[in-house]
Structures are given as structure tokens and as C-alpha cells.
């Protein structure tokens, strides 16, 4: 990490992630997992999970 600008952004992101409260739900079935992801994206305010076609 020779780029100082990148290193600062990287370290800032790591510090922000350390402060996060993380929860997870395990779903082994791939079909149910896909449905769960869609459900969560609709019901919760998940700003970065929009399922947009790129």
C-alpha cells in the first residue's frame, strides 16, 4: 500500500466496519437464499442492494 490516499481510505473503511453491528441468517438452500435476499432488499432499507441490471 504505497499510495497514501488509498491507504487512508482503506484504513478509514476498516475503522467504519469495525464499528458496525453485524447480523446474519444462514440459508443453505440456494433457491430460498435468493428469495430471502429479495425479501430483505424490499423490506429493509438496503441502499446498496438494488438488484439493478448493469
C-alpha atoms as a PDB file:
ATOM      1  CA  UNK A   1       0.000   0.000   0.000  1.00  0.00           C
ATOM      2  CA  UNK A   2       2.333   2.655  -1.258  1.00  0.00           C
ATOM      3  CA  UNK A   3      -0.445   5.061  -2.296  1.00  0.00           C
ATOM      4  CA  UNK A   4      -1.099   7.257   0.754  1.00  0.00           C
ATOM      5  CA  UNK A   5      -4.563   8.336  -0.462  1.00  0.00           C
ATOM      6  CA  UNK A   6      -5.634   4.711  -0.914  1.00  0.00           C
ATOM      7  CA  UNK A   7      -4.131   3.645   2.424  1.00  0.00           C
ATOM      8  CA  UNK A   8      -6.065   6.384   4.275  1.00  0.00           C
ATOM      9  CA  UNK A   9      -9.349   5.445   2.558  1.00  0.00           C
ATOM     10  CA  UNK A  10      -8.702   1.757   3.265  1.00  0.00           C
ATOM     11  CA  UNK A  11      -7.928   2.369   6.943  1.00  0.00           C
ATOM     12  CA  UNK A  12     -10.961   4.657   7.307  1.00  0.00           C
ATOM     13  CA  UNK A  13     -13.183   1.949   5.798  1.00  0.00           C
ATOM     14  CA  UNK A  14     -11.750  -0.691   8.148  1.00  0.00           C
ATOM     15  CA  UNK A  15     -12.418   1.562  11.152  1.00  0.00           C
ATOM     16  CA  UNK A  16     -16.006   2.136   9.985  1.00  0.00           C
ATOM     17  CA  UNK A  17     -16.584  -1.596   9.506  1.00  0.00           C
ATOM     18  CA  UNK A  18     -15.210  -2.386  12.985  1.00  0.00           C
ATOM     19  CA  UNK A  19     -17.963  -0.202  14.478  1.00  0.00           C
ATOM     20  CA  UNK A  20     -20.771  -1.971  12.585  1.00  0.00           C
ATOM     21  CA  UNK A  21     -23.337  -4.174  14.281  1.00  0.00           C
ATOM     22  CA  UNK A  22     -23.487  -7.253  12.052  1.00  0.00           C
ATOM     23  CA  UNK A  23     -26.154  -9.942  11.958  1.00  0.00           C
ATOM     24  CA  UNK A  24     -26.609 -12.818   9.559  1.00  0.00           C
ATOM     25  CA  UNK A  25     -29.055 -15.527   8.659  1.00  0.00           C
ATOM     26  CA  UNK A  26     -27.779 -18.809   7.285  1.00  0.00           C
ATOM     27  CA  UNK A  27     -29.804 -20.325   4.433  1.00  0.00           C
ATOM     28  CA  UNK A  28     -28.154 -23.299   2.746  1.00  0.00           C
ATOM     29  CA  UNK A  29     -30.809 -23.821   0.081  1.00  0.00           C
ATOM     30  CA  UNK A  30     -29.831 -21.636  -2.918  1.00  0.00           C
ATOM     31  CA  UNK A  31     -33.437 -21.012  -4.033  1.00  0.00           C
ATOM     32  CA  UNK A  32     -34.542 -19.976  -0.553  1.00  0.00           C
ATOM     33  CA  UNK A  33     -31.402 -17.861  -0.246  1.00  0.00           C
ATOM     34  CA  UNK A  34     -32.293 -15.952  -3.431  1.00  0.00           C
ATOM     35  CA  UNK A  35     -35.853 -15.389  -2.182  1.00  0.00           C
ATOM     36  CA  UNK A  36     -34.538 -14.274   1.215  1.00  0.00           C
ATOM     37  CA  UNK A  37     -32.193 -11.757  -0.440  1.00  0.00           C
ATOM     38  CA  UNK A  38     -35.067 -10.291  -2.448  1.00  0.00           C
ATOM     39  CA  UNK A  39     -37.308 -10.156   0.623  1.00  0.00           C
ATOM     40  CA  UNK A  40     -34.673  -8.397   2.710  1.00  0.00           C
ATOM     41  CA  UNK A  41     -33.945  -5.899  -0.081  1.00  0.00           C
ATOM     42  CA  UNK A  42     -37.647  -4.999  -0.261  1.00  0.00           C
ATOM     43  CA  UNK A  43     -38.480  -4.945   3.459  1.00  0.00           C
ATOM     44  CA  UNK A  44     -35.319  -3.361   4.890  1.00  0.00           C
ATOM     45  CA  UNK A  45     -33.726  -0.064   3.849  1.00  0.00           C
ATOM     46  CA  UNK A  46     -30.817  -1.701   1.997  1.00  0.00           C
ATOM     47  CA  UNK A  47     -29.495   1.227  -0.038  1.00  0.00           C
ATOM     48  CA  UNK A  48     -26.755  -0.729  -1.814  1.00  0.00           C
ATOM     49  CA  UNK A  49     -28.762  -3.851  -2.640  1.00  0.00           C
ATOM     50  CA  UNK A  50     -30.917  -2.747  -5.542  1.00  0.00           C
ATOM     51  CA  UNK A  51     -30.682  -5.732  -7.935  1.00  0.00           C
ATOM     52  CA  UNK A  52     -30.337  -3.285 -10.833  1.00  0.00           C
ATOM     53  CA  UNK A  53     -29.318  -4.819 -14.149  1.00  0.00           C
ATOM     54  CA  UNK A  54     -25.936  -3.416 -15.087  1.00  0.00           C
END
